[in-house]
Amino acid sequence: MVKINSMLSYAKKKKKFKKKIIVVKTFENSKINTFLACVKTESKCYKMKITDKGKNGIQQGFVKMYLDDTKIYDNKFKRGKQRNKKFGQC
């Protein structure tokens, strides 16, 4: 298992992200880990947050995010501690 936290949350315009939709704390090594959620992007702002506990990136891995079959985020995340992506009505 890999020590990575992933969270998808939402907030009303210009407010803090409090409501958590998906929280994942462990990922399987050498596998594609997929998570799905229904979101209302026409009325809310969402934030995907991925934190690498080792602070060295996801080695040999990547992060991709799709909204209605359209890729909205693609990052190899080779170094660093965290990645964030806001989408919807932000």
Protein backbone atom coordinates (compact mmCIF):
# COMPACT_ATOMS: atom_id res chain seq x y z
CA MET A 1 0.00 0.00 0.00
CA VAL A 2 1.05 3.57 -0.69
CA LYS A 3 0.68 6.29 1.95
CA ILE A 4 -1.31 8.91 0.06
CA ASN A 5 -4.44 10.79 1.06
CA SER A 6 -6.95 11.81 -1.59
CA MET A 7 -9.94 14.01 -0.93
CA LEU A 8 -12.70 15.56 -3.01
CA SER A 9 -14.65 18.31 -1.27
CA TYR A 10 -16.95 21.19 -2.18
CA ALA A 11 -17.78 24.69 -0.98
CA LYS A 12 -20.15 27.49 -1.85
CA LYS A 13 -18.52 30.42 -3.64
CA LYS A 14 -15.68 32.05 -1.65
CA LYS A 15 -16.10 29.78 1.38
CA LYS A 16 -13.92 27.06 2.88
CA PHE A 17 -14.06 23.50 1.58
CA LYS A 18 -15.81 21.66 4.40
CA LYS A 19 -18.06 18.99 2.92
CA LYS A 20 -16.01 15.91 1.98
CA ILE A 21 -17.32 13.73 -0.82
CA ILE A 22 -14.55 11.13 -1.18
CA VAL A 23 -11.72 10.41 1.28
CA VAL A 24 -9.20 7.67 0.45
CA LYS A 25 -6.18 6.93 2.63
CA THR A 26 -4.54 3.91 1.01
CA PHE A 27 -3.90 2.97 -2.59
CA GLU A 28 -2.79 -0.33 -4.05
CA ASN A 29 0.72 -0.41 -5.52
CA SER A 30 1.13 -1.07 -9.24
CA LYS A 31 -2.60 -0.76 -9.93
CA ILE A 32 -4.87 1.95 -11.26
CA ASN A 33 -7.02 3.16 -8.36
CA THR A 34 -10.31 4.66 -9.60
CA PHE A 35 -12.84 6.69 -7.60
CA LEU A 36 -16.17 8.05 -8.84
CA ALA A 37 -18.50 10.75 -7.51
CA CYS A 38 -21.55 12.58 -8.83
CA VAL A 39 -21.04 16.33 -8.62
CA LYS A 40 -23.05 19.45 -9.52
CA THR A 41 -20.42 21.59 -11.22
CA GLU A 42 -22.99 24.08 -12.49
CA SER A 43 -23.72 25.24 -8.93
CA LYS A 44 -20.77 24.33 -6.68
CA CYS A 45 -16.99 24.69 -6.50
CA TYR A 46 -15.04 21.46 -5.92
CA LYS A 47 -11.45 20.77 -4.95
CA MET A 48 -9.49 17.59 -5.47
CA LYS A 49 -6.59 17.38 -3.01
CA ILE A 50 -3.93 14.67 -3.08
CA THR A 51 -1.31 14.56 -0.35
CA ASP A 52 1.78 12.32 -0.50
CA LYS A 53 2.77 11.37 3.04
CA GLY A 54 6.33 10.62 1.88
CA LYS A 55 6.57 14.11 0.35
CA ASN A 56 8.42 12.71 -2.67
CA GLY A 57 5.63 12.46 -5.25
CA ILE A 58 4.02 9.39 -6.73
CA GLN A 59 6.89 7.44 -8.22
CA GLN A 60 6.00 5.63 -11.45
CA GLY A 61 2.45 6.97 -11.15
CA PHE A 62 0.09 9.71 -12.25
CA VAL A 63 -3.12 11.54 -11.38
CA LYS A 64 -5.86 12.05 -13.98
CA MET A 65 -9.25 13.58 -13.47
CA TYR A 66 -12.23 13.53 -15.85
CA LEU A 67 -15.50 15.46 -15.89
CA ASP A 68 -18.13 14.02 -18.25
CA ASP A 69 -15.47 12.09 -20.21
CA THR A 70 -13.34 15.26 -20.64
CA LYS A 71 -9.90 15.22 -19.03
CA ILE A 72 -9.60 18.26 -16.74
CA TYR A 73 -6.40 17.30 -14.90
CA ASP A 74 -3.33 15.26 -15.82
CA ASN A 75 -0.18 15.29 -13.70
CA LYS A 76 2.69 12.84 -13.31
CA PHE A 77 3.25 14.10 -9.70
CA LYS A 78 6.89 12.98 -9.71
CA ARG A 79 7.93 15.22 -6.81
CA GLY A 80 6.40 17.29 -4.09
CA LYS A 81 3.93 16.80 -1.28
CA GLN A 82 0.55 17.89 -2.59
CA ARG A 83 -1.59 18.55 -5.65
CA ASN A 84 -4.85 20.53 -5.73
CA LYS A 85 -7.35 21.07 -8.53
CA LYS A 86 -10.44 23.28 -8.29
CA PHE A 87 -13.29 22.87 -10.75
CA GLY A 88 -16.93 23.82 -11.16
CA GLN A 89 -18.27 27.27 -10.17
CA CYS A 90 -15.24 28.60 -8.29
